[in-house]
Amino acid sequence: MRVKDGARAATAEHPATPSVAPRFTRAAQAERSRLEGKREQLLRKREAVEAELGLIDRAVGGVDELIELLAPLLAANGSEPGSVGDGIRAEAEPGGSGPARRRGT
């Protein structure tokens, strides 16, 4: 019975923190460093893409303003402003340069 009591007493105490072999620690540190580098690289790529999207959005806005300026001129010449403006935008939107494209990616 004393053996059982001794075993219980040993398990009731908190076990010592297991030590990790130095090679596993070095491997974990190397992997962490690699992942942090990859994360930084991805963040830089995201910033570059966001900057490029900003330029594209401004260009699309400029083209939209020009289309709106042309609409009264076409109406004055007897053209159908609704069909011309809608036709141009309908062709441009499936290409994915508008805001709907940004939500999809």
PDB file of N, CA and C in Angstrom:
ATOM      1  N   MET A   1       0.805  -1.194   0.000  1.00  0.00           N
ATOM      2  CA  MET A   1       0.000   0.000   0.000  1.00  0.00           C
ATOM      3  C   MET A   1       0.848   1.258   0.000  1.00  0.00           C
ATOM      4  N   ARG A   2       1.948   1.171   0.626  1.00  0.00           N
ATOM      5  CA  ARG A   2       2.801   2.348   0.671  1.00  0.00           C
ATOM      6  C   ARG A   2       3.305   2.726  -0.722  1.00  0.00           C
ATOM      7  N   VAL A   3       3.502   1.778  -1.566  1.00  0.00           N
ATOM      8  CA  VAL A   3       3.956   2.060  -2.925  1.00  0.00           C
ATOM      9  C   VAL A   3       2.903   2.861  -3.663  1.00  0.00           C
ATOM     10  N   LYS A   4       1.648   2.474  -3.493  1.00  0.00           N
ATOM     11  CA  LYS A   4       0.563   3.205  -4.142  1.00  0.00           C
ATOM     12  C   LYS A   4       0.472   4.624  -3.604  1.00  0.00           C
ATOM     13  N   ASP A   5       0.628   4.775  -2.316  1.00  0.00           N
ATOM     14  CA  ASP A   5       0.574   6.108  -1.723  1.00  0.00           C
ATOM     15  C   ASP A   5       1.731   6.965  -2.235  1.00  0.00           C
ATOM     16  N   GLY A   6       2.891   6.349  -2.388  1.00  0.00           N
ATOM     17  CA  GLY A   6       4.043   7.078  -2.911  1.00  0.00           C
ATOM     18  C   GLY A   6       3.819   7.515  -4.348  1.00  0.00           C
ATOM     19  N   ALA A   7       3.204   6.689  -5.148  1.00  0.00           N
ATOM     20  CA  ALA A   7       2.908   7.027  -6.541  1.00  0.00           C
ATOM     21  C   ALA A   7       1.888   8.151  -6.605  1.00  0.00           C
ATOM     22  N   ARG A   8       0.910   8.085  -5.741  1.00  0.00           N
ATOM     23  CA  ARG A   8      -0.101   9.149  -5.716  1.00  0.00           C
ATOM     24  C   ARG A   8       0.515  10.473  -5.281  1.00  0.00           C
ATOM     25  N   ALA A   9       1.384  10.401  -4.321  1.00  0.00           N
ATOM     26  CA  ALA A   9       2.022  11.619  -3.841  1.00  0.00           C
ATOM     27  C   ALA A   9       2.876  12.247  -4.943  1.00  0.00           C
ATOM     28  N   ALA A  10       3.547  11.422  -5.732  1.00  0.00           N
ATOM     29  CA  ALA A  10       4.382  11.942  -6.814  1.00  0.00           C
ATOM     30  C   ALA A  10       3.535  12.561  -7.915  1.00  0.00           C
ATOM     31  N   THR A  11       2.390  11.972  -8.205  1.00  0.00           N
ATOM     32  CA  THR A  11       1.541  12.526  -9.269  1.00  0.00           C
ATOM     33  C   THR A  11       0.755  13.728  -8.783  1.00  0.00           C
ATOM     34  N   ALA A  12       0.545  13.845  -7.494  1.00  0.00           N
ATOM     35  CA  ALA A  12      -0.199  14.984  -6.971  1.00  0.00           C
ATOM     36  C   ALA A  12       0.621  16.261  -7.075  1.00  0.00           C
ATOM     37  N   GLU A  13       1.936  16.127  -7.024  1.00  0.00           N
ATOM     38  CA  GLU A  13       2.791  17.296  -7.174  1.00  0.00           C
ATOM     39  C   GLU A  13       2.795  17.745  -8.632  1.00  0.00           C
ATOM     40  N   HIS A  14       3.083  19.010  -8.841  1.00  0.00           N
ATOM     41  CA  HIS A  14       3.158  19.510 -10.208  1.00  0.00           C
ATOM     42  C   HIS A  14       4.428  18.987 -10.853  1.00  0.00           C
ATOM     43  N   PRO A  15       4.300  18.393 -12.001  1.00  0.00           N
ATOM     44  CA  PRO A  15       5.500  17.879 -12.662  1.00  0.00           C
ATOM     45  C   PRO A  15       6.383  19.035 -13.122  1.00  0.00           C
ATOM     46  N   ALA A  16       7.646  18.776 -13.195  1.00  0.00           N
ATOM     47  CA  ALA A  16       8.584  19.803 -13.660  1.00  0.00           C
ATOM     48  C   ALA A  16       8.309  20.110 -15.125  1.00  0.00           C
ATOM     49  N   THR A  17       8.569  21.341 -15.529  1.00  0.00           N
ATOM     50  CA  THR A  17       8.381  21.723 -16.925  1.00  0.00           C
ATOM     51  C   THR A  17       9.357  20.928 -17.783  1.00  0.00           C
ATOM     52  N   PRO A  18       8.830  20.252 -18.787  1.00  0.00           N
ATOM     53  CA  PRO A  18       9.737  19.457 -19.612  1.00  0.00           C
ATOM     54  C   PRO A  18      10.677  20.368 -20.391  1.00  0.00           C
ATOM     55  N   SER A  19      11.876  19.915 -20.562  1.00  0.00           N
ATOM     56  CA  SER A  19      12.831  20.721 -21.324  1.00  0.00           C
ATOM     57  C   SER A  19      12.752  20.322 -22.797  1.00  0.00           C
ATOM     58  N   VAL A  20      12.954  21.278 -23.640  1.00  0.00           N
ATOM     59  CA  VAL A  20      12.905  21.063 -25.082  1.00  0.00           C
ATOM     60  C   VAL A  20      14.339  21.031 -25.586  1.00  0.00           C
ATOM     61  N   ALA A  21      14.584  20.105 -26.453  1.00  0.00           N
ATOM     62  CA  ALA A  21      15.932  19.969 -27.003  1.00  0.00           C
ATOM     63  C   ALA A  21      16.318  21.245 -27.750  1.00  0.00           C
ATOM     64  N   PRO A  22      17.564  21.669 -27.642  1.00  0.00           N
ATOM     65  CA  PRO A  22      18.003  22.903 -28.307  1.00  0.00           C
ATOM     66  C   PRO A  22      17.783  22.898 -29.818  1.00  0.00           C
ATOM     67  N   ARG A  23      17.899  21.744 -30.452  1.00  0.00           N
ATOM     68  CA  ARG A  23      17.698  21.716 -31.911  1.00  0.00           C
ATOM     69  C   ARG A  23      16.254  22.037 -32.280  1.00  0.00           C
ATOM     70  N   PHE A  24      15.284  21.610 -31.446  1.00  0.00           N
ATOM     71  CA  PHE A  24      13.894  21.937 -31.708  1.00  0.00           C
ATOM     72  C   PHE A  24      13.633  23.419 -31.462  1.00  0.00           C
ATOM     73  N   THR A  25      14.276  23.971 -30.461  1.00  0.00           N
ATOM     74  CA  THR A  25      14.134  25.399 -30.189  1.00  0.00           C
ATOM     75  C   THR A  25      14.684  26.213 -31.350  1.00  0.00           C
ATOM     76  N   ARG A  26      15.859  25.827 -31.845  1.00  0.00           N
ATOM     77  CA  ARG A  26      16.446  26.538 -32.990  1.00  0.00           C
ATOM     78  C   ARG A  26      15.566  26.399 -34.231  1.00  0.00           C
ATOM     79  N   ALA A  27      15.016  25.212 -34.452  1.00  0.00           N
ATOM     80  CA  ALA A  27      14.134  24.996 -35.608  1.00  0.00           C
ATOM     81  C   ALA A  27      12.876  25.850 -35.497  1.00  0.00           C
ATOM     82  N   ALA A  28      12.324  25.930 -34.296  1.00  0.00           N
ATOM     83  CA  ALA A  28      11.119  26.745 -34.098  1.00  0.00           C
ATOM     84  C   ALA A  28      11.426  28.223 -34.299  1.00  0.00           C
ATOM     85  N   GLN A  29      12.585  28.669 -33.826  1.00  0.00           N
ATOM     86  CA  GLN A  29      12.976  30.069 -34.016  1.00  0.00           C
ATOM     87  C   GLN A  29      13.198  30.383 -35.492  1.00  0.00           C
ATOM     88  N   ALA A  30      13.809  29.459 -36.212  1.00  0.00           N
ATOM     89  CA  ALA A  30      14.036  29.664 -37.643  1.00  0.00           C
ATOM     90  C   ALA A  30      12.709  29.718 -38.401  1.00  0.00           C
ATOM     91  N   GLU A  31      11.787  28.847 -38.045  1.00  0.00           N
ATOM     92  CA  GLU A  31      10.470  28.844 -38.708  1.00  0.00           C
ATOM     93  C   GLU A  31       9.712  30.127 -38.403  1.00  0.00           C
ATOM     94  N   ARG A  32       9.784  30.571 -37.166  1.00  0.00           N
ATOM     95  CA  ARG A  32       9.114  31.818 -36.800  1.00  0.00           C
ATOM     96  C   ARG A  32       9.706  32.992 -37.574  1.00  0.00           C
ATOM     97  N   SER A  33      11.007  33.033 -37.684  1.00  0.00           N
ATOM     98  CA  SER A  33      11.667  34.102 -38.431  1.00  0.00           C
ATOM     99  C   SER A  33      11.247  34.070 -39.907  1.00  0.00           C
ATOM    100  N   ARG A  34      11.200  32.871 -40.475  1.00  0.00           N
ATOM    101  CA  ARG A  34      10.789  32.730 -41.876  1.00  0.00           C
ATOM    102  C   ARG A  34       9.355  33.218 -42.064  1.00  0.00           C
ATOM    103  N   LEU A  35       8.464  32.834 -41.155  1.00  0.00           N
ATOM    104  CA  LEU A  35       7.064  33.246 -41.262  1.00  0.00           C
ATOM    105  C   LEU A  35       6.893  34.747 -41.078  1.00  0.00           C
ATOM    106  N   GLU A  36       7.659  35.346 -40.173  1.00  0.00           N
ATOM    107  CA  GLU A  36       7.586  36.801 -39.992  1.00  0.00           C
ATOM    108  C   GLU A  36       8.061  37.521 -41.246  1.00  0.00           C
ATOM    109  N   GLY A  37       9.103  37.005 -41.884  1.00  0.00           N
ATOM    110  CA  GLY A  37       9.574  37.595 -43.138  1.00  0.00           C
ATOM    111  C   GLY A  37       8.524  37.487 -44.232  1.00  0.00           C
ATOM    112  N   LYS A  38       7.883  36.325 -44.317  1.00  0.00           N
ATOM    113  CA  LYS A  38       6.825  36.119 -45.309  1.00  0.00           C
ATOM    114  C   LYS A  38       5.653  37.069 -45.051  1.00  0.00           C
ATOM    115  N   ARG A  39       5.312  37.260 -43.776  1.00  0.00           N
ATOM    116  CA  ARG A  39       4.223  38.169 -43.424  1.00  0.00           C
ATOM    117  C   ARG A  39       4.539  39.596 -43.856  1.00  0.00           C
ATOM    118  N   GLU A  40       5.759  40.045 -43.588  1.00  0.00           N
ATOM    119  CA  GLU A  40       6.170  41.393 -43.993  1.00  0.00           C
ATOM    120  C   GLU A  40       6.124  41.541 -45.514  1.00  0.00           C
ATOM    121  N   GLN A  41       6.560  40.515 -46.216  1.00  0.00           N
ATOM    122  CA  GLN A  41       6.529  40.547 -47.681  1.00  0.00           C
ATOM    123  C   GLN A  41       5.095  40.673 -48.180  1.00  0.00           C
ATOM    124  N   LEU A  42       4.186  39.913 -47.597  1.00  0.00           N
ATOM    125  CA  LEU A  42       2.784  39.977 -48.009  1.00  0.00           C
ATOM    126  C   LEU A  42       2.163  41.329 -47.684  1.00  0.00           C
ATOM    127  N   LEU A  43       2.527  41.915 -46.556  1.00  0.00           N
ATOM    128  CA  LEU A  43       2.002  43.240 -46.213  1.00  0.00           C
ATOM    129  C   LEU A  43       2.484  44.294 -47.211  1.00  0.00           C
ATOM    130  N   ARG A  44       3.750  44.196 -47.626  1.00  0.00           N
ATOM    131  CA  ARG A  44       4.263  45.150 -48.639  1.00  0.00           C
ATOM    132  C   ARG A  44       3.532  44.968 -49.968  1.00  0.00           C
ATOM    133  N   LYS A  45       3.274  43.722 -50.347  1.00  0.00           N
ATOM    134  CA  LYS A  45       2.536  43.473 -51.593  1.00  0.00           C
ATOM    135  C   LYS A  45       1.124  44.038 -51.511  1.00  0.00           C
ATOM    136  N   ARG A  46       0.481  43.868 -50.343  1.00  0.00           N
ATOM    137  CA  ARG A  46      -0.876  44.387 -50.191  1.00  0.00           C
ATOM    138  C   ARG A  46      -0.891  45.900 -50.318  1.00  0.00           C
ATOM    139  N   GLU A  47       0.084  46.575 -49.711  1.00  0.00           N
ATOM    140  CA  GLU A  47       0.160  48.033 -49.813  1.00  0.00           C
ATOM    141  C   GLU A  47       0.346  48.468 -51.256  1.00  0.00           C
ATOM    142  N   ALA A  48       1.176  47.753 -52.006  1.00  0.00           N
ATOM    143  CA  ALA A  48       1.409  48.098 -53.409  1.00  0.00           C
ATOM    144  C   ALA A  48       0.130  47.916 -54.225  1.00  0.00           C
ATOM    145  N   VAL A  49      -0.585  46.834 -53.972  1.00  0.00           N
ATOM    146  CA  VAL A  49      -1.831  46.582 -54.709  1.00  0.00           C
ATOM    147  C   VAL A  49      -2.876  47.629 -54.357  1.00  0.00           C
ATOM    148  N   GLU A  50      -2.971  47.984 -53.079  1.00  0.00           N
ATOM    149  CA  GLU A  50      -3.944  48.998 -52.675  1.00  0.00           C
ATOM    150  C   GLU A  50      -3.622  50.347 -53.309  1.00  0.00           C
ATOM    151  N   ALA A  51      -2.339  50.679 -53.418  1.00  0.00           N
ATOM    152  CA  ALA A  51      -1.952  51.935 -54.067  1.00  0.00           C
ATOM    153  C   ALA A  51      -2.334  51.904 -55.542  1.00  0.00           C
ATOM    154  N   GLU A  52      -2.105  50.772 -56.187  1.00  0.00           N
ATOM    155  CA  GLU A  52      -2.453  50.658 -57.603  1.00  0.00           C
ATOM    156  C   GLU A  52      -3.966  50.718 -57.800  1.00  0.00           C
ATOM    157  N   LEU A  53      -4.717  50.105 -56.898  1.00  0.00           N
ATOM    158  CA  LEU A  53      -6.175  50.185 -56.988  1.00  0.00           C
ATOM    159  C   LEU A  53      -6.660  51.614 -56.820  1.00  0.00           C
ATOM    160  N   GLY A  54      -5.999  52.370 -55.975  1.00  0.00           N
ATOM    161  CA  GLY A  54      -6.359  53.778 -55.808  1.00  0.00           C
ATOM    162  C   GLY A  54      -6.175  54.553 -57.097  1.00  0.00           C
ATOM    163  N   LEU A  55      -5.068  54.292 -57.790  1.00  0.00           N
ATOM    164  CA  LEU A  55      -4.824  54.954 -59.081  1.00  0.00           C
ATOM    165  C   LEU A  55      -5.877  54.553 -60.105  1.00  0.00           C
ATOM    166  N   ILE A  56      -6.208  53.290 -60.135  1.00  0.00           N
ATOM    167  CA  ILE A  56      -7.213  52.802 -61.082  1.00  0.00           C
ATOM    168  C   ILE A  56      -8.572  53.416 -60.769  1.00  0.00           C
ATOM    169  N   ASP A  57      -8.928  53.467 -59.493  1.00  0.00           N
ATOM    170  CA  ASP A  57     -10.218  54.058 -59.116  1.00  0.00           C
ATOM    171  C   ASP A  57     -10.303  55.531 -59.522  1.00  0.00           C
ATOM    172  N   ARG A  58      -9.197  56.265 -59.337  1.00  0.00           N
ATOM    173  CA  ARG A  58      -9.194  57.677 -59.751  1.00  0.00           C
ATOM    174  C   ARG A  58      -9.309  57.798 -61.268  1.00  0.00           C
ATOM    175  N   ALA A  59      -8.664  56.918 -62.008  1.00  0.00           N
ATOM    176  CA  ALA A  59      -8.753  56.954 -63.475  1.00  0.00           C
ATOM    177  C   ALA A  59     -10.171  56.634 -63.934  1.00  0.00           C
ATOM    178  N   VAL A  60     -10.796  55.646 -63.314  1.00  0.00           N
ATOM    179  CA  VAL A  60     -12.177  55.301 -63.658  1.00  0.00           C
ATOM    180  C   VAL A  60     -13.095  56.477 -63.346  1.00  0.00           C
ATOM    181  N   GLY A  61     -12.868  57.129 -62.205  1.00  0.00           N
ATOM    182  CA  GLY A  61     -13.674  58.300 -61.857  1.00  0.00           C
ATOM    183  C   GLY A  61     -13.514  59.419 -62.868  1.00  0.00           C
ATOM    184  N   GLY A  62     -12.290  59.623 -63.346  1.00  0.00           N
ATOM    185  CA  GLY A  62     -12.050  60.644 -64.369  1.00  0.00           C
ATOM    186  C   GLY A  62     -12.766  60.330 -65.666  1.00  0.00           C
ATOM    187  N   VAL A  63     -12.743  59.071 -66.072  1.00  0.00           N
ATOM    188  CA  VAL A  63     -13.442  58.659 -67.296  1.00  0.00           C
ATOM    189  C   VAL A  63     -14.946  58.823 -67.114  1.00  0.00           C
ATOM    190  N   ASP A  64     -15.461  58.464 -65.942  1.00  0.00           N
ATOM    191  CA  ASP A  64     -16.896  58.648 -65.678  1.00  0.00           C
ATOM    192  C   ASP A  64     -17.297  60.116 -65.775  1.00  0.00           C
ATOM    193  N   GLU A  65     -16.448  61.003 -65.260  1.00  0.00           N
ATOM    194  CA  GLU A  65     -16.747  62.442 -65.361  1.00  0.00           C
ATOM    195  C   GLU A  65     -16.775  62.892 -66.817  1.00  0.00           C
ATOM    196  N   LEU A  66     -15.841  62.413 -67.611  1.00  0.00           N
ATOM    197  CA  LEU A  66     -15.821  62.775 -69.036  1.00  0.00           C
ATOM    198  C   LEU A  66     -17.056  62.251 -69.758  1.00  0.00           C
ATOM    199  N   ILE A  67     -17.483  61.048 -69.413  1.00  0.00           N
ATOM    200  CA  ILE A  67     -18.699  60.493 -70.029  1.00  0.00           C
ATOM    201  C   ILE A  67     -19.901  61.357 -69.674  1.00  0.00           C
ATOM    202  N   GLU A  68     -19.976  61.799 -68.426  1.00  0.00           N
ATOM    203  CA  GLU A  68     -21.079  62.654 -68.003  1.00  0.00           C
ATOM    204  C   GLU A  68     -21.037  64.006 -68.709  1.00  0.00           C
ATOM    205  N   LEU A  69     -19.840  64.526 -68.990  1.00  0.00           N
ATOM    206  CA  LEU A  69     -19.732  65.789 -69.719  1.00  0.00           C
ATOM    207  C   LEU A  69     -20.159  65.625 -71.176  1.00  0.00           C
ATOM    208  N   LEU A  70     -19.937  64.472 -71.738  1.00  0.00           N
ATOM    209  CA  LEU A  70     -20.319  64.235 -73.133  1.00  0.00           C
ATOM    210  C   LEU A  70     -21.819  64.015 -73.302  1.00  0.00           C
ATOM    211  N   ALA A  71     -22.500  63.555 -72.276  1.00  0.00           N
ATOM    212  CA  ALA A  71     -23.929  63.246 -72.386  1.00  0.00           C
ATOM    213  C   ALA A  71     -24.764  64.437 -72.865  1.00  0.00           C
ATOM    214  N   PRO A  72     -24.605  65.659 -72.312  1.00  0.00           N
ATOM    215  CA  PRO A  72     -25.416  66.782 -72.812  1.00  0.00           C
ATOM    216  C   PRO A  72     -25.107  67.132 -74.272  1.00  0.00           C
ATOM    217  N   LEU A  73     -23.849  66.977 -74.678  1.00  0.00           N
ATOM    218  CA  LEU A  73     -23.489  67.268 -76.066  1.00  0.00           C
ATOM    219  C   LEU A  73     -24.164  66.292 -77.024  1.00  0.00           C
ATOM    220  N   LEU A  74     -24.201  65.034 -76.636  1.00  0.00           N
ATOM    221  CA  LEU A  74     -24.846  64.028 -77.483  1.00  0.00           C
ATOM    222  C   LEU A  74     -26.348  64.242 -77.524  1.00  0.00           C
ATOM    223  N   ALA A  75     -26.930  64.679 -76.405  1.00  0.00           N
ATOM    224  CA  ALA A  75     -28.369  64.945 -76.375  1.00  0.00           C
ATOM    225  C   ALA A  75     -28.708  66.137 -77.265  1.00  0.00           C
ATOM    226  N   ALA A  76     -27.829  67.143 -77.314  1.00  0.00           N
ATOM    227  CA  ALA A  76     -28.074  68.327 -78.134  1.00  0.00           C
ATOM    228  C   ALA A  76     -28.023  67.986 -79.618  1.00  0.00           C
ATOM    229  N   ASN A  77     -27.255  66.983 -79.996  1.00  0.00           N
ATOM    230  CA  ASN A  77     -27.140  66.585 -81.397  1.00  0.00           C
ATOM    231  C   ASN A  77     -28.196  65.576 -81.794  1.00  0.00           C
ATOM    232  N   GLY A  78     -29.106  65.234 -80.894  1.00  0.00           N
ATOM    233  CA  GLY A  78     -30.175  64.301 -81.219  1.00  0.00           C
ATOM    234  C   GLY A  78     -29.818  62.846 -80.947  1.00  0.00           C
ATOM    235  N   SER A  79     -28.656  62.588 -80.374  1.00  0.00           N
ATOM    236  CA  SER A  79     -28.302  61.208 -80.023  1.00  0.00           C
ATOM    237  C   SER A  79     -29.100  60.783 -78.807  1.00  0.00           C
ATOM    238  N   GLU A  80     -29.166  59.515 -78.571  1.00  0.00           N
ATOM    239  CA  GLU A  80     -29.854  59.005 -77.391  1.00  0.00           C
ATOM    240  C   GLU A  80     -28.856  58.910 -76.247  1.00  0.00           C
ATOM    241  N   PRO A  81     -28.900  59.845 -75.293  1.00  0.00           N
ATOM    242  CA  PRO A  81     -27.900  59.846 -74.223  1.00  0.00           C
ATOM    243  C   PRO A  81     -27.978  58.618 -73.322  1.00  0.00           C
ATOM    244  N   GLY A  82     -29.170  58.088 -73.101  1.00  0.00           N
ATOM    245  CA  GLY A  82     -29.300  56.931 -72.217  1.00  0.00           C
ATOM    246  C   GLY A  82     -28.642  55.695 -72.799  1.00  0.00           C
ATOM    247  N   SER A  83     -28.822  55.469 -74.094  1.00  0.00           N
ATOM    248  CA  SER A  83     -28.275  54.252 -74.683  1.00  0.00           C
ATOM    249  C   SER A  83     -26.766  54.346 -74.860  1.00  0.00           C
ATOM    250  N   VAL A  84     -26.256  55.549 -75.161  1.00  0.00           N
ATOM    251  CA  VAL A  84     -24.820  55.701 -75.346  1.00  0.00           C
ATOM    252  C   VAL A  84     -24.096  55.530 -74.023  1.00  0.00           C
ATOM    253  N   GLY A  85     -24.546  56.216 -72.991  1.00  0.00           N
ATOM    254  CA  GLY A  85     -23.894  56.129 -71.684  1.00  0.00           C
ATOM    255  C   GLY A  85     -23.998  54.735 -71.093  1.00  0.00           C
ATOM    256  N   ASP A  86     -25.162  54.118 -71.201  1.00  0.00           N
ATOM    257  CA  ASP A  86     -25.341  52.786 -70.638  1.00  0.00           C
ATOM    258  C   ASP A  86     -24.530  51.750 -71.402  1.00  0.00           C
ATOM    259  N   GLY A  87     -24.426  51.928 -72.710  1.00  0.00           N
ATOM    260  CA  GLY A  87     -23.668  50.972 -73.509  1.00  0.00           C
ATOM    261  C   GLY A  87     -22.193  50.989 -73.167  1.00  0.00           C
ATOM    262  N   ILE A  88     -21.662  52.172 -72.936  1.00  0.00           N
ATOM    263  CA  ILE A  88     -20.241  52.286 -72.612  1.00  0.00           C
ATOM    264  C   ILE A  88     -19.972  51.683 -71.242  1.00  0.00           C
ATOM    265  N   ARG A  89     -20.807  51.990 -70.291  1.00  0.00           N
ATOM    266  CA  ARG A  89     -20.589  51.467 -68.939  1.00  0.00           C
ATOM    267  C   ARG A  89     -20.821  49.969 -68.889  1.00  0.00           C
ATOM    268  N   ALA A  90     -21.790  49.464 -69.647  1.00  0.00           N
ATOM    269  CA  ALA A  90     -22.052  48.031 -69.646  1.00  0.00           C
ATOM    270  C   ALA A  90     -20.857  47.270 -70.205  1.00  0.00           C
ATOM    271  N   GLU A  91     -20.153  47.862 -71.177  1.00  0.00           N
ATOM    272  CA  GLU A  91     -18.981  47.199 -71.738  1.00  0.00           C
ATOM    273  C   GLU A  91     -17.810  47.276 -70.771  1.00  0.00           C
ATOM    274  N   ALA A  92     -17.682  48.366 -70.026  1.00  0.00           N
ATOM    275  CA  ALA A  92     -16.532  48.555 -69.136  1.00  0.00           C
ATOM    276  C   ALA A  92     -16.653  47.722 -67.864  1.00  0.00           C
ATOM    277  N   GLU A  93     -17.846  47.566 -67.321  1.00  0.00           N
ATOM    278  CA  GLU A  93     -18.001  46.883 -66.046  1.00  0.00           C
ATOM    279  C   GLU A  93     -17.659  45.390 -66.078  1.00  0.00           C
ATOM    280  N   PRO A  94     -18.036  44.618 -67.105  1.00  0.00           N
ATOM    281  CA  PRO A  94     -17.661  43.211 -67.076  1.00  0.00           C
ATOM    282  C   PRO A  94     -16.151  42.995 -67.055  1.00  0.00           C
ATOM    283  N   GLY A  95     -15.373  43.944 -67.521  1.00  0.00           N
ATOM    284  CA  GLY A  95     -13.918  43.822 -67.491  1.00  0.00           C
ATOM    285  C   GLY A  95     -13.372  43.841 -66.089  1.00  0.00           C
ATOM    286  N   GLY A  96     -14.122  44.371 -65.161  1.00  0.00           N
ATOM    287  CA  GLY A  96     -13.727  44.314 -63.769  1.00  0.00           C
ATOM    288  C   GLY A  96     -12.920  45.489 -63.279  1.00  0.00           C
ATOM    289  N   SER A  97     -13.010  46.649 -63.910  1.00  0.00           N
ATOM    290  CA  SER A  97     -12.218  47.776 -63.434  1.00  0.00           C
ATOM    291  C   SER A  97     -12.969  48.635 -62.432  1.00  0.00           C
ATOM    292  N   GLY A  98     -14.217  48.332 -62.170  1.00  0.00           N
ATOM    293  CA  GLY A  98     -15.003  49.153 -61.254  1.00  0.00           C
ATOM    294  C   GLY A  98     -14.947  48.649 -59.832  1.00  0.00           C
ATOM    295  N   PRO A  99     -15.712  49.295 -58.940  1.00  0.00           N
ATOM    296  CA  PRO A  99     -15.715  48.919 -57.526  1.00  0.00           C
ATOM    297  C   PRO A  99     -16.201  47.503 -57.294  1.00  0.00           C
ATOM    298  N   ALA A 100     -17.072  46.978 -58.154  1.00  0.00           N
ATOM    299  CA  ALA A 100     -17.564  45.616 -57.973  1.00  0.00           C
ATOM    300  C   ALA A 100     -16.414  44.612 -58.066  1.00  0.00           C
ATOM    301  N   ARG A 101     -15.432  44.902 -58.864  1.00  0.00           N
ATOM    302  CA  ARG A 101     -14.270  44.028 -58.998  1.00  0.00           C
ATOM    303  C   ARG A 101     -13.492  43.973 -57.702  1.00  0.00           C
ATOM    304  N   ARG A 102     -13.383  45.089 -56.997  1.00  0.00           N
ATOM    305  CA  ARG A 102     -12.618  45.134 -55.747  1.00  0.00           C
ATOM    306  C   ARG A 102     -13.261  44.246 -54.695  1.00  0.00           C
ATOM    307  N   ARG A 103     -14.596  44.205 -54.652  1.00  0.00           N
ATOM    308  CA  ARG A 103     -15.257  43.383 -53.653  1.00  0.00           C
ATOM    309  C   ARG A 103     -15.038  41.910 -53.913  1.00  0.00           C
ATOM    310  N   GLY A 104     -14.896  41.522 -55.159  1.00  0.00           N
ATOM    311  CA  GLY A 104     -14.748  40.116 -55.526  1.00  0.00           C
ATOM    312  C   GLY A 104     -13.368  39.574 -55.228  1.00  0.00           C
ATOM    313  N   THR A 105     -12.356  40.431 -55.085  1.00  0.00           N
ATOM    314  CA  THR A 105     -11.003  39.924 -54.873  1.00  0.00           C
ATOM    315  C   THR A 105     -10.587  40.000 -53.460  1.00  0.00           C
TER     316      THR A 105
END
